[in-house]
Amino acid sequence: MLPKDNYIRHSIASIRAVLADLEAVLEQNVPATGLPCHPWSQRDPRWGDSLLGLATSKRFTLAAYGCLLTCYASATEMDPGVLNEWLKERRAFVDNGDGQLNLIVLDSFVSLGFKLSKDVWCLKDTAPIAEVYRCLAGGGLVIAGVSHKGVTNRVQHYIRVTKLSIDGKTVEIIDPLRDPGDEVVSGVAQYSNTWGYDPAHVFLRVMFYEATK
């Protein structure tokens, strides 16, 4: 038996060690493992002028409306232009409500290595950050809908979440709207809305995909 004072000191040291380990875990960023992670820009001139899906209106280019498709492309071995053609061949686009067949069928990627497991809209509640962490830790794909330029609380843009600390305070994303070579970004304050600037409030929609290969 340790003397009482030594026992207390030993216990305190043990508790401090556990807390230090916990703090290290909380600060750890979990990368999206298991799936490719290619930072693509929807504005890349190689495909930016291509029409999204089966759209007929010339305004629906990848450069203007291809953020979601480009997020998907980042998790495949196809660039956005090739993936666009691949989805068109499989008729994986539906009417967007404006008479344009350019809305992607969300569960079209099983043969490419990932399938939709959950689609969560967070317009009234905070985003499920713990689920995002677990999905990334499990090698899945997470795509978040955000308010572009923070002007409204509705989804206007999509980004891919690639790293997230378990407390949700540290995040890394791929933003396909940025210039080629500048797509990887730390933090999401630039998408802040009237609810806040952290991931739990910035993510207005979260699509979870689990790896199938």
N, C-alpha and C. Protein backbone atom coordinates (compact mmCIF):
# COMPACT_ATOMS: atom_id res chain seq x y z
N MET A 1 0.84 -1.21 0.00
CA MET A 1 0.00 0.00 0.00
C MET A 1 0.88 1.26 0.00
N LEU A 2 0.47 2.22 -0.82
CA LEU A 2 1.15 3.50 -0.81
C LEU A 2 0.66 4.32 0.37
N PRO A 3 1.53 5.12 0.98
CA PRO A 3 1.05 6.04 2.01
C PRO A 3 -0.07 6.90 1.41
N LYS A 4 -0.93 7.40 2.31
CA LYS A 4 -2.11 8.12 1.85
C LYS A 4 -1.77 9.27 0.92
N ASP A 5 -0.76 10.09 1.30
CA ASP A 5 -0.41 11.24 0.47
C ASP A 5 0.10 10.80 -0.89
N ASN A 6 0.93 9.75 -0.89
CA ASN A 6 1.46 9.25 -2.16
C ASN A 6 0.35 8.66 -3.03
N TYR A 7 -0.60 8.01 -2.38
CA TYR A 7 -1.73 7.42 -3.10
C TYR A 7 -2.54 8.51 -3.79
N ILE A 8 -2.77 9.60 -3.06
CA ILE A 8 -3.55 10.71 -3.63
C ILE A 8 -2.80 11.33 -4.81
N ARG A 9 -1.47 11.54 -4.60
CA ARG A 9 -0.68 12.12 -5.68
C ARG A 9 -0.67 11.20 -6.91
N HIS A 10 -0.55 9.91 -6.67
CA HIS A 10 -0.56 8.95 -7.76
C HIS A 10 -1.90 8.97 -8.50
N SER A 11 -2.98 9.06 -7.73
CA SER A 11 -4.32 9.10 -8.34
C SER A 11 -4.50 10.36 -9.18
N ILE A 12 -4.05 11.49 -8.65
CA ILE A 12 -4.16 12.75 -9.39
C ILE A 12 -3.36 12.69 -10.69
N ALA A 13 -2.16 12.12 -10.60
CA ALA A 13 -1.32 11.99 -11.80
C ALA A 13 -1.99 11.10 -12.84
N SER A 14 -2.64 10.04 -12.38
CA SER A 14 -3.33 9.14 -13.30
C SER A 14 -4.51 9.83 -13.98
N ILE A 15 -5.25 10.61 -13.18
CA ILE A 15 -6.39 11.34 -13.74
C ILE A 15 -5.92 12.35 -14.77
N ARG A 16 -4.81 13.04 -14.46
CA ARG A 16 -4.28 14.03 -15.39
C ARG A 16 -3.84 13.36 -16.70
N ALA A 17 -3.28 12.17 -16.60
CA ALA A 17 -2.86 11.45 -17.80
C ALA A 17 -4.05 11.07 -18.67
N VAL A 18 -5.12 10.62 -18.00
CA VAL A 18 -6.34 10.27 -18.74
C VAL A 18 -6.93 11.49 -19.42
N LEU A 19 -6.95 12.62 -18.70
CA LEU A 19 -7.49 13.86 -19.27
C LEU A 19 -6.64 14.33 -20.45
N ALA A 20 -5.33 14.16 -20.33
CA ALA A 20 -4.44 14.55 -21.42
C ALA A 20 -4.71 13.70 -22.66
N ASP A 21 -4.91 12.39 -22.45
CA ASP A 21 -5.23 11.51 -23.57
C ASP A 21 -6.55 11.89 -24.21
N LEU A 22 -7.54 12.21 -23.37
CA LEU A 22 -8.86 12.61 -23.86
C LEU A 22 -8.76 13.89 -24.66
N GLU A 23 -7.98 14.84 -24.16
CA GLU A 23 -7.81 16.10 -24.87
C GLU A 23 -7.17 15.88 -26.23
N ALA A 24 -6.22 14.96 -26.28
CA ALA A 24 -5.57 14.65 -27.55
C ALA A 24 -6.56 14.07 -28.55
N VAL A 25 -7.47 13.22 -28.05
CA VAL A 25 -8.49 12.64 -28.93
C VAL A 25 -9.44 13.72 -29.42
N LEU A 26 -9.82 14.63 -28.52
CA LEU A 26 -10.75 15.69 -28.90
C LEU A 26 -10.17 16.59 -29.97
N GLU A 27 -8.86 16.78 -29.93
CA GLU A 27 -8.22 17.66 -30.89
C GLU A 27 -7.87 16.97 -32.19
N GLN A 28 -7.97 15.64 -32.19
CA GLN A 28 -7.56 14.89 -33.36
C GLN A 28 -8.55 15.08 -34.50
N ASN A 29 -8.04 15.32 -35.68
CA ASN A 29 -8.86 15.36 -36.87
C ASN A 29 -8.91 13.97 -37.47
N VAL A 30 -10.10 13.53 -37.82
CA VAL A 30 -10.24 12.22 -38.44
C VAL A 30 -10.40 12.40 -39.93
N PRO A 31 -9.47 11.89 -40.74
CA PRO A 31 -9.57 12.05 -42.18
C PRO A 31 -10.59 11.09 -42.78
N ALA A 32 -11.07 11.43 -43.95
CA ALA A 32 -11.98 10.55 -44.67
C ALA A 32 -11.14 9.46 -45.34
N THR A 33 -11.01 8.34 -44.68
CA THR A 33 -10.20 7.25 -45.20
C THR A 33 -11.07 6.26 -45.96
N GLY A 34 -10.45 5.48 -46.82
CA GLY A 34 -11.18 4.42 -47.50
C GLY A 34 -11.70 4.83 -48.86
N LEU A 35 -11.96 6.10 -49.10
CA LEU A 35 -12.42 6.59 -50.39
C LEU A 35 -11.40 7.59 -50.92
N PRO A 36 -11.31 7.71 -52.25
CA PRO A 36 -10.42 8.74 -52.80
C PRO A 36 -10.79 10.13 -52.30
N CYS A 37 -9.85 11.00 -52.32
CA CYS A 37 -10.10 12.38 -51.88
C CYS A 37 -9.37 13.33 -52.83
N HIS A 38 -10.00 13.60 -53.97
CA HIS A 38 -9.41 14.44 -54.99
C HIS A 38 -10.04 15.84 -54.94
N PRO A 39 -9.29 16.85 -54.62
CA PRO A 39 -9.85 18.21 -54.64
C PRO A 39 -10.05 18.68 -56.09
N TRP A 40 -11.29 18.78 -56.51
CA TRP A 40 -11.61 19.27 -57.84
C TRP A 40 -12.32 20.62 -57.73
N SER A 41 -12.18 21.43 -58.73
CA SER A 41 -12.95 22.68 -58.83
C SER A 41 -13.98 22.56 -59.93
N GLN A 42 -15.21 22.91 -59.62
CA GLN A 42 -16.25 22.89 -60.65
C GLN A 42 -16.00 23.93 -61.73
N ARG A 43 -15.14 24.90 -61.41
CA ARG A 43 -14.85 26.00 -62.34
C ARG A 43 -13.65 25.72 -63.23
N ASP A 44 -13.09 24.53 -63.11
CA ASP A 44 -11.96 24.17 -63.95
C ASP A 44 -12.37 24.29 -65.42
N PRO A 45 -11.58 24.98 -66.24
CA PRO A 45 -11.97 25.19 -67.65
C PRO A 45 -12.08 23.91 -68.46
N ARG A 46 -11.55 22.81 -67.95
CA ARG A 46 -11.63 21.55 -68.68
C ARG A 46 -13.07 21.03 -68.73
N TRP A 47 -13.91 21.40 -67.77
CA TRP A 47 -15.29 20.94 -67.76
C TRP A 47 -16.28 22.02 -67.30
N GLY A 48 -15.80 23.16 -66.89
CA GLY A 48 -16.68 24.17 -66.32
C GLY A 48 -17.82 24.61 -67.23
N ASP A 49 -17.60 24.60 -68.56
CA ASP A 49 -18.64 25.05 -69.48
C ASP A 49 -19.60 23.94 -69.89
N SER A 50 -19.35 22.71 -69.45
CA SER A 50 -20.24 21.60 -69.78
C SER A 50 -21.57 21.76 -69.05
N LEU A 51 -22.65 21.34 -69.69
CA LEU A 51 -23.96 21.41 -69.05
C LEU A 51 -24.11 20.29 -68.03
N LEU A 52 -24.67 20.63 -66.89
CA LEU A 52 -24.87 19.66 -65.83
C LEU A 52 -26.00 18.70 -66.20
N GLY A 53 -25.69 17.41 -66.20
CA GLY A 53 -26.70 16.42 -66.49
C GLY A 53 -27.29 16.58 -67.88
N LEU A 54 -28.62 16.44 -67.95
CA LEU A 54 -29.33 16.52 -69.22
C LEU A 54 -30.01 17.88 -69.37
N ALA A 55 -29.46 18.89 -68.73
CA ALA A 55 -30.01 20.24 -68.83
C ALA A 55 -29.91 20.74 -70.27
N THR A 56 -30.87 21.58 -70.65
CA THR A 56 -30.86 22.18 -71.98
C THR A 56 -30.58 23.67 -71.92
N SER A 57 -30.84 24.29 -70.78
CA SER A 57 -30.56 25.71 -70.61
C SER A 57 -29.06 25.92 -70.43
N LYS A 58 -28.49 26.85 -71.15
CA LYS A 58 -27.05 27.07 -71.14
C LYS A 58 -26.55 27.63 -69.81
N ARG A 59 -27.45 28.07 -68.95
CA ARG A 59 -26.99 28.63 -67.68
C ARG A 59 -26.64 27.55 -66.67
N PHE A 60 -27.07 26.31 -66.91
CA PHE A 60 -26.82 25.23 -65.96
C PHE A 60 -25.50 24.52 -66.27
N THR A 61 -24.42 25.25 -66.18
CA THR A 61 -23.10 24.68 -66.41
C THR A 61 -22.54 24.08 -65.12
N LEU A 62 -21.50 23.27 -65.27
CA LEU A 62 -20.85 22.75 -64.07
C LEU A 62 -20.22 23.87 -63.25
N ALA A 63 -19.69 24.87 -63.94
CA ALA A 63 -19.07 25.98 -63.22
C ALA A 63 -20.07 26.70 -62.33
N ALA A 64 -21.33 26.76 -62.75
CA ALA A 64 -22.35 27.49 -62.00
C ALA A 64 -23.14 26.60 -61.04
N TYR A 65 -23.40 25.35 -61.44
CA TYR A 65 -24.29 24.50 -60.66
C TYR A 65 -23.71 23.12 -60.35
N GLY A 66 -22.44 22.93 -60.56
CA GLY A 66 -21.87 21.59 -60.42
C GLY A 66 -21.21 21.28 -59.10
N CYS A 67 -21.56 22.00 -58.04
CA CYS A 67 -20.87 21.77 -56.76
C CYS A 67 -21.12 20.37 -56.20
N LEU A 68 -22.37 19.91 -56.24
CA LEU A 68 -22.67 18.59 -55.68
C LEU A 68 -22.00 17.49 -56.51
N LEU A 69 -22.11 17.59 -57.82
CA LEU A 69 -21.47 16.60 -58.68
C LEU A 69 -19.96 16.57 -58.44
N THR A 70 -19.36 17.74 -58.26
CA THR A 70 -17.92 17.80 -58.05
C THR A 70 -17.53 17.19 -56.71
N CYS A 71 -18.38 17.34 -55.70
CA CYS A 71 -18.13 16.66 -54.41
C CYS A 71 -18.11 15.15 -54.60
N TYR A 72 -19.07 14.63 -55.37
CA TYR A 72 -19.09 13.20 -55.64
C TYR A 72 -17.84 12.78 -56.41
N ALA A 73 -17.46 13.57 -57.40
CA ALA A 73 -16.29 13.22 -58.21
C ALA A 73 -15.04 13.10 -57.35
N SER A 74 -14.95 13.92 -56.30
CA SER A 74 -13.76 13.89 -55.45
C SER A 74 -13.58 12.55 -54.74
N ALA A 75 -14.66 11.77 -54.65
CA ALA A 75 -14.62 10.48 -53.97
C ALA A 75 -14.51 9.32 -54.96
N THR A 76 -14.28 9.63 -56.24
CA THR A 76 -14.13 8.61 -57.27
C THR A 76 -12.78 8.81 -57.98
N GLU A 77 -12.53 7.98 -58.97
CA GLU A 77 -11.34 8.15 -59.80
C GLU A 77 -11.69 8.88 -61.10
N MET A 78 -12.87 9.53 -61.14
CA MET A 78 -13.28 10.30 -62.30
C MET A 78 -13.21 11.79 -61.99
N ASP A 79 -12.87 12.61 -62.96
CA ASP A 79 -12.98 14.05 -62.76
C ASP A 79 -14.43 14.44 -62.97
N PRO A 80 -14.85 15.65 -62.61
CA PRO A 80 -16.26 16.04 -62.72
C PRO A 80 -16.82 15.91 -64.13
N GLY A 81 -16.02 16.22 -65.14
CA GLY A 81 -16.51 16.09 -66.51
C GLY A 81 -16.83 14.66 -66.88
N VAL A 82 -15.95 13.74 -66.51
CA VAL A 82 -16.17 12.33 -66.81
C VAL A 82 -17.34 11.78 -66.00
N LEU A 83 -17.42 12.15 -64.73
CA LEU A 83 -18.53 11.67 -63.89
C LEU A 83 -19.86 12.19 -64.42
N ASN A 84 -19.90 13.41 -64.89
CA ASN A 84 -21.11 13.97 -65.47
C ASN A 84 -21.60 13.11 -66.62
N GLU A 85 -20.69 12.71 -67.51
CA GLU A 85 -21.06 11.86 -68.64
C GLU A 85 -21.48 10.48 -68.17
N TRP A 86 -20.78 9.96 -67.16
CA TRP A 86 -21.12 8.64 -66.61
C TRP A 86 -22.54 8.62 -66.05
N LEU A 87 -22.91 9.66 -65.34
CA LEU A 87 -24.26 9.75 -64.77
C LEU A 87 -25.31 9.96 -65.86
N LYS A 88 -24.97 10.71 -66.88
CA LYS A 88 -25.90 10.93 -68.00
C LYS A 88 -26.21 9.62 -68.71
N GLU A 89 -25.18 8.81 -68.91
CA GLU A 89 -25.38 7.52 -69.57
C GLU A 89 -26.31 6.61 -68.78
N ARG A 90 -26.34 6.79 -67.48
CA ARG A 90 -27.17 5.95 -66.60
C ARG A 90 -28.49 6.63 -66.23
N ARG A 91 -28.78 7.73 -66.89
CA ARG A 91 -30.03 8.49 -66.64
C ARG A 91 -30.20 8.76 -65.15
N ALA A 92 -29.11 9.17 -64.51
CA ALA A 92 -29.12 9.40 -63.06
C ALA A 92 -29.42 10.85 -62.71
N PHE A 93 -30.16 11.52 -63.58
CA PHE A 93 -30.59 12.90 -63.32
C PHE A 93 -32.11 12.96 -63.44
N VAL A 94 -32.74 13.74 -62.56
CA VAL A 94 -34.19 13.92 -62.61
C VAL A 94 -34.50 15.42 -62.70
N ASP A 95 -35.76 15.72 -62.92
CA ASP A 95 -36.20 17.11 -63.07
C ASP A 95 -35.93 17.90 -61.79
N ASN A 96 -35.34 19.05 -61.93
CA ASN A 96 -35.03 19.89 -60.77
C ASN A 96 -36.19 20.78 -60.35
N GLY A 97 -37.33 20.59 -61.00
CA GLY A 97 -38.50 21.41 -60.70
C GLY A 97 -38.61 22.61 -61.60
N ASP A 98 -37.59 22.79 -62.42
CA ASP A 98 -37.55 23.92 -63.35
C ASP A 98 -37.52 23.43 -64.80
N GLY A 99 -37.90 22.16 -64.97
CA GLY A 99 -37.92 21.58 -66.30
C GLY A 99 -36.57 21.13 -66.81
N GLN A 100 -35.58 21.11 -65.94
CA GLN A 100 -34.23 20.72 -66.34
C GLN A 100 -33.85 19.41 -65.66
N LEU A 101 -33.39 18.44 -66.45
CA LEU A 101 -32.99 17.15 -65.90
C LEU A 101 -31.54 17.21 -65.42
N ASN A 102 -31.33 17.90 -64.33
CA ASN A 102 -29.97 18.04 -63.82
C ASN A 102 -29.87 17.86 -62.31
N LEU A 103 -30.89 17.26 -61.71
CA LEU A 103 -30.87 16.97 -60.27
C LEU A 103 -30.39 15.53 -60.09
N ILE A 104 -29.28 15.35 -59.40
CA ILE A 104 -28.65 14.04 -59.29
C ILE A 104 -29.46 13.10 -58.40
N VAL A 105 -29.67 11.87 -58.87
CA VAL A 105 -30.25 10.82 -58.03
C VAL A 105 -29.19 10.44 -57.00
N LEU A 106 -29.50 10.67 -55.72
CA LEU A 106 -28.46 10.59 -54.68
C LEU A 106 -27.83 9.22 -54.52
N ASP A 107 -28.60 8.17 -54.79
CA ASP A 107 -28.06 6.83 -54.57
C ASP A 107 -27.64 6.19 -55.89
N SER A 108 -26.76 6.88 -56.60
CA SER A 108 -26.32 6.41 -57.92
C SER A 108 -24.88 5.93 -57.93
N PHE A 109 -24.28 5.74 -56.76
CA PHE A 109 -22.83 5.58 -56.71
C PHE A 109 -22.36 4.27 -56.10
N VAL A 110 -23.28 3.31 -55.92
CA VAL A 110 -22.91 2.05 -55.29
C VAL A 110 -21.78 1.37 -56.05
N SER A 111 -21.87 1.35 -57.37
CA SER A 111 -20.84 0.68 -58.17
C SER A 111 -19.51 1.42 -58.15
N LEU A 112 -19.53 2.68 -57.66
CA LEU A 112 -18.31 3.46 -57.57
C LEU A 112 -17.68 3.40 -56.18
N GLY A 113 -18.36 2.69 -55.28
CA GLY A 113 -17.73 2.47 -53.98
C GLY A 113 -18.39 3.08 -52.77
N PHE A 114 -19.55 3.75 -52.94
CA PHE A 114 -20.23 4.30 -51.76
C PHE A 114 -21.73 4.39 -52.01
N LYS A 115 -22.47 4.21 -50.92
CA LYS A 115 -23.94 4.25 -51.02
C LYS A 115 -24.51 5.15 -49.94
N LEU A 116 -25.64 5.76 -50.25
CA LEU A 116 -26.29 6.67 -49.32
C LEU A 116 -26.83 5.90 -48.11
N SER A 117 -26.46 6.36 -46.92
CA SER A 117 -26.97 5.74 -45.70
C SER A 117 -27.95 6.64 -44.96
N LYS A 118 -27.77 7.96 -45.11
CA LYS A 118 -28.67 8.89 -44.41
C LYS A 118 -28.58 10.27 -45.05
N ASP A 119 -29.72 10.93 -45.14
CA ASP A 119 -29.79 12.30 -45.67
C ASP A 119 -30.53 13.14 -44.63
N VAL A 120 -29.79 13.99 -43.93
CA VAL A 120 -30.35 14.72 -42.80
C VAL A 120 -30.45 16.21 -43.12
N TRP A 121 -31.65 16.75 -43.04
CA TRP A 121 -31.85 18.19 -43.17
C TRP A 121 -31.81 18.82 -41.78
N CYS A 122 -31.04 19.89 -41.67
CA CYS A 122 -30.80 20.50 -40.35
C CYS A 122 -31.27 21.95 -40.34
N LEU A 123 -32.43 22.19 -40.90
CA LEU A 123 -32.93 23.56 -41.00
C LEU A 123 -33.54 24.05 -39.69
N LYS A 124 -33.89 23.11 -38.81
CA LYS A 124 -34.48 23.49 -37.53
C LYS A 124 -33.65 23.00 -36.34
N ASP A 125 -32.74 22.08 -36.59
CA ASP A 125 -31.92 21.53 -35.51
C ASP A 125 -30.45 21.65 -35.90
N THR A 126 -29.58 21.53 -34.92
CA THR A 126 -28.14 21.55 -35.22
C THR A 126 -27.75 20.28 -35.96
N ALA A 127 -26.71 20.37 -36.75
CA ALA A 127 -26.24 19.22 -37.52
C ALA A 127 -25.68 18.15 -36.59
N PRO A 128 -25.83 16.88 -36.97
CA PRO A 128 -25.35 15.77 -36.11
C PRO A 128 -23.84 15.59 -36.24
N ILE A 129 -23.09 16.42 -35.56
CA ILE A 129 -21.64 16.44 -35.69
C ILE A 129 -21.01 15.12 -35.26
N ALA A 130 -21.53 14.50 -34.22
CA ALA A 130 -20.98 13.22 -33.78
C ALA A 130 -21.12 12.16 -34.88
N GLU A 131 -22.22 12.20 -35.61
CA GLU A 131 -22.42 11.25 -36.71
C GLU A 131 -21.45 11.54 -37.86
N VAL A 132 -21.19 12.81 -38.11
CA VAL A 132 -20.22 13.18 -39.14
C VAL A 132 -18.86 12.60 -38.77
N TYR A 133 -18.47 12.79 -37.54
CA TYR A 133 -17.18 12.26 -37.05
C TYR A 133 -17.11 10.75 -37.23
N ARG A 134 -18.17 10.05 -36.83
CA ARG A 134 -18.17 8.59 -36.93
C ARG A 134 -18.14 8.13 -38.38
N CYS A 135 -18.85 8.82 -39.25
CA CYS A 135 -18.87 8.45 -40.66
C CYS A 135 -17.47 8.59 -41.27
N LEU A 136 -16.80 9.70 -40.98
CA LEU A 136 -15.45 9.90 -41.50
C LEU A 136 -14.49 8.88 -40.91
N ALA A 137 -14.63 8.63 -39.61
CA ALA A 137 -13.76 7.66 -38.96
C ALA A 137 -13.94 6.26 -39.54
N GLY A 138 -15.15 5.98 -40.03
CA GLY A 138 -15.43 4.68 -40.62
C GLY A 138 -15.12 4.60 -42.10
N GLY A 139 -14.51 5.64 -42.64
CA GLY A 139 -14.12 5.62 -44.05
C GLY A 139 -15.20 6.05 -45.00
N GLY A 140 -16.23 6.73 -44.50
CA GLY A 140 -17.34 7.14 -45.34
C GLY A 140 -17.15 8.51 -45.98
N LEU A 141 -18.15 8.90 -46.72
CA LEU A 141 -18.17 10.19 -47.42
C LEU A 141 -19.24 11.06 -46.78
N VAL A 142 -18.89 12.33 -46.51
CA VAL A 142 -19.86 13.28 -45.95
C VAL A 142 -19.90 14.52 -46.83
N ILE A 143 -21.09 14.84 -47.31
CA ILE A 143 -21.30 16.05 -48.10
C ILE A 143 -22.29 16.93 -47.35
N ALA A 144 -21.95 18.20 -47.20
CA ALA A 144 -22.79 19.12 -46.43
C ALA A 144 -23.34 20.22 -47.32
N GLY A 145 -24.61 20.54 -47.12
CA GLY A 145 -25.22 21.68 -47.78
C GLY A 145 -25.10 22.90 -46.89
N VAL A 146 -24.67 24.01 -47.47
CA VAL A 146 -24.45 25.23 -46.70
C VAL A 146 -25.11 26.41 -47.38
N SER A 147 -25.17 27.51 -46.65
CA SER A 147 -25.68 28.76 -47.20
C SER A 147 -24.51 29.52 -47.82
N HIS A 148 -24.55 29.70 -49.12
CA HIS A 148 -23.44 30.35 -49.81
C HIS A 148 -23.36 31.82 -49.41
N LYS A 149 -22.20 32.22 -48.93
CA LYS A 149 -21.93 33.59 -48.49
C LYS A 149 -22.76 33.99 -47.27
N GLY A 150 -23.42 33.02 -46.64
CA GLY A 150 -24.10 33.27 -45.38
C GLY A 150 -25.25 34.25 -45.43
N VAL A 151 -25.91 34.35 -46.58
CA VAL A 151 -26.96 35.36 -46.68
C VAL A 151 -28.32 34.84 -46.26
N THR A 152 -28.51 33.54 -46.26
CA THR A 152 -29.80 32.97 -45.88
C THR A 152 -29.57 31.68 -45.10
N ASN A 153 -30.65 31.14 -44.56
CA ASN A 153 -30.57 29.86 -43.88
C ASN A 153 -31.19 28.78 -44.77
N ARG A 154 -30.79 28.75 -46.01
CA ARG A 154 -31.22 27.69 -46.91
C ARG A 154 -30.02 27.19 -47.70
N VAL A 155 -30.11 25.95 -48.13
CA VAL A 155 -28.98 25.32 -48.82
C VAL A 155 -28.82 25.94 -50.21
N GLN A 156 -27.64 26.48 -50.46
CA GLN A 156 -27.32 27.07 -51.75
C GLN A 156 -26.05 26.49 -52.36
N HIS A 157 -25.34 25.68 -51.60
CA HIS A 157 -24.04 25.22 -52.06
C HIS A 157 -23.69 23.93 -51.33
N TYR A 158 -22.83 23.09 -51.95
CA TYR A 158 -22.42 21.84 -51.33
C TYR A 158 -20.89 21.77 -51.23
N ILE A 159 -20.44 21.22 -50.10
CA ILE A 159 -19.02 21.04 -49.85
C ILE A 159 -18.81 19.61 -49.35
N ARG A 160 -17.58 19.12 -49.50
CA ARG A 160 -17.25 17.81 -48.94
C ARG A 160 -16.47 18.00 -47.65
N VAL A 161 -16.91 17.35 -46.60
CA VAL A 161 -16.21 17.39 -45.31
C VAL A 161 -15.16 16.28 -45.32
N THR A 162 -13.91 16.64 -45.12
CA THR A 162 -12.84 15.64 -45.18
C THR A 162 -12.20 15.36 -43.83
N LYS A 163 -12.21 16.32 -42.92
CA LYS A 163 -11.66 16.13 -41.59
C LYS A 163 -12.52 16.85 -40.57
N LEU A 164 -12.64 16.26 -39.39
CA LEU A 164 -13.44 16.88 -38.33
C LEU A 164 -12.96 16.36 -36.99
N SER A 165 -12.76 17.26 -36.04
CA SER A 165 -12.43 16.83 -34.68
C SER A 165 -13.72 16.38 -34.00
N ILE A 166 -13.59 15.54 -33.00
CA ILE A 166 -14.77 14.95 -32.37
C ILE A 166 -15.65 16.00 -31.70
N ASP A 167 -15.08 17.14 -31.33
CA ASP A 167 -15.89 18.20 -30.72
C ASP A 167 -16.45 19.15 -31.78
N GLY A 168 -16.11 18.92 -33.04
CA GLY A 168 -16.67 19.73 -34.12
C GLY A 168 -16.05 21.10 -34.28
N LYS A 169 -15.00 21.39 -33.52
CA LYS A 169 -14.43 22.74 -33.57
C LYS A 169 -13.40 22.91 -34.69
N THR A 170 -12.80 21.81 -35.11
CA THR A 170 -11.79 21.87 -36.16
C THR A 170 -12.28 21.07 -37.35
N VAL A 171 -12.31 21.69 -38.51
CA VAL A 171 -12.88 21.03 -39.69
C VAL A 171 -12.09 21.42 -40.93
N GLU A 172 -11.98 20.47 -41.84
CA GLU A 172 -11.36 20.74 -43.14
C GLU A 172 -12.33 20.27 -44.22
N ILE A 173 -12.44 21.04 -45.28
CA ILE A 173 -13.41 20.74 -46.33
C ILE A 173 -12.78 20.92 -47.70
N ILE A 174 -13.47 20.37 -48.69
CA ILE A 174 -13.19 20.68 -50.09
C ILE A 174 -14.36 21.51 -50.60
N ASP A 175 -14.06 22.72 -51.05
CA ASP A 175 -15.09 23.60 -51.60
C ASP A 175 -14.90 23.66 -53.11
N PRO A 176 -15.77 23.01 -53.88
CA PRO A 176 -15.58 22.94 -55.33
C PRO A 176 -15.78 24.26 -56.06
N LEU A 177 -16.33 25.27 -55.38
CA LEU A 177 -16.54 26.55 -56.04
C LEU A 177 -15.27 27.40 -56.08
N ARG A 178 -14.28 27.02 -55.34
CA ARG A 178 -13.03 27.78 -55.32
C ARG A 178 -12.21 27.50 -56.58
N ASP A 179 -11.23 28.33 -56.82
CA ASP A 179 -10.40 28.19 -58.01
C ASP A 179 -9.61 26.88 -57.98
N PRO A 180 -9.27 26.34 -59.14
CA PRO A 180 -8.46 25.12 -59.19
C PRO A 180 -7.16 25.28 -58.40
N GLY A 181 -6.87 24.30 -57.56
CA GLY A 181 -5.68 24.34 -56.73
C GLY A 181 -5.90 24.98 -55.37
N ASP A 182 -7.08 25.53 -55.14
CA ASP A 182 -7.36 26.23 -53.89
C ASP A 182 -8.63 25.69 -53.23
N GLU A 183 -8.96 24.43 -53.50
CA GLU A 183 -10.25 23.89 -53.05
C GLU A 183 -10.26 23.45 -51.59
N VAL A 184 -9.10 23.12 -51.03
CA VAL A 184 -9.05 22.62 -49.65
C VAL A 184 -9.02 23.80 -48.68
N VAL A 185 -9.96 23.79 -47.73
CA VAL A 185 -10.13 24.93 -46.82
C VAL A 185 -10.25 24.43 -45.38
N SER A 186 -9.64 25.15 -44.45
CA SER A 186 -9.82 24.87 -43.03
C SER A 186 -10.86 25.83 -42.46
N GLY A 187 -11.85 25.29 -41.76
CA GLY A 187 -12.89 26.12 -41.16
C GLY A 187 -14.08 26.32 -42.09
N VAL A 188 -15.21 26.68 -41.49
CA VAL A 188 -16.44 26.89 -42.27
C VAL A 188 -17.11 28.22 -41.92
N ALA A 189 -16.39 29.12 -41.26
CA ALA A 189 -16.98 30.39 -40.86
C ALA A 189 -17.46 31.20 -42.07
N GLN A 190 -16.85 30.95 -43.23
CA GLN A 190 -17.23 31.69 -44.43
C GLN A 190 -18.65 31.35 -44.90
N TYR A 191 -19.23 30.27 -44.35
CA TYR A 191 -20.61 29.90 -44.69
C TYR A 191 -21.56 30.22 -43.55
N SER A 192 -21.14 31.07 -42.64
CA SER A 192 -21.96 31.37 -41.46
C SER A 192 -23.31 31.93 -41.88
N ASN A 193 -24.30 31.65 -41.05
CA ASN A 193 -25.65 32.15 -41.28
C ASN A 193 -26.16 32.79 -39.99
N THR A 194 -27.43 33.05 -39.92
CA THR A 194 -27.96 33.73 -38.73
C THR A 194 -27.95 32.84 -37.50
N TRP A 195 -27.65 31.54 -37.66
CA TRP A 195 -27.60 30.63 -36.53
C TRP A 195 -26.21 30.50 -35.93
N GLY A 196 -25.19 30.76 -36.71
CA GLY A 196 -23.84 30.62 -36.19
C GLY A 196 -22.82 30.36 -37.28
N TYR A 197 -21.59 30.10 -36.85
CA TYR A 197 -20.50 29.93 -37.80
C TYR A 197 -19.73 28.63 -37.59
N ASP A 198 -20.16 27.78 -36.68
CA ASP A 198 -19.50 26.50 -36.45
C ASP A 198 -20.22 25.42 -37.27
N PRO A 199 -19.57 24.25 -37.49
CA PRO A 199 -20.18 23.21 -38.32
C PRO A 199 -21.59 22.81 -37.89
N ALA A 200 -21.85 22.74 -36.59
CA ALA A 200 -23.16 22.32 -36.12
C ALA A 200 -24.28 23.25 -36.61
N HIS A 201 -23.95 24.52 -36.86
CA HIS A 201 -24.95 25.47 -37.32
C HIS A 201 -24.82 25.79 -38.81
N VAL A 202 -23.60 25.64 -39.34
CA VAL A 202 -23.37 25.95 -40.75
C VAL A 202 -23.91 24.84 -41.66
N PHE A 203 -23.80 23.58 -41.24
CA PHE A 203 -24.28 22.47 -42.06
C PHE A 203 -25.81 22.43 -41.99
N LEU A 204 -26.46 22.79 -43.08
CA LEU A 204 -27.92 22.81 -43.13
C LEU A 204 -28.51 21.51 -43.68
N ARG A 205 -27.67 20.72 -44.30
CA ARG A 205 -28.04 19.40 -44.78
C ARG A 205 -26.77 18.56 -44.77
N VAL A 206 -26.90 17.30 -44.34
CA VAL A 206 -25.74 16.42 -44.32
C VAL A 206 -26.11 15.09 -44.96
N MET A 207 -25.36 14.72 -45.98
CA MET A 207 -25.57 13.44 -46.65
C MET A 207 -24.43 12.50 -46.27
N PHE A 208 -24.80 11.36 -45.73
CA PHE A 208 -23.83 10.38 -45.27
C PHE A 208 -23.77 9.21 -46.26
N TYR A 209 -22.58 8.86 -46.67
CA TYR A 209 -22.38 7.71 -47.56
C TYR A 209 -21.39 6.75 -46.91
N GLU A 210 -21.72 5.48 -46.93
CA GLU A 210 -20.80 4.48 -46.42
C GLU A 210 -20.09 3.78 -47.57
N ALA A 211 -18.84 3.43 -47.34
CA ALA A 211 -18.05 2.78 -48.37
C ALA A 211 -18.59 1.38 -48.62
N THR A 212 -18.59 0.96 -49.88
CA THR A 212 -19.10 -0.37 -50.24
C THR A 212 -17.99 -1.29 -50.70
N LYS A 213 -16.77 -0.77 -50.81
CA LYS A 213 -15.65 -1.60 -51.27
C LYS A 213 -14.57 -1.64 -50.21
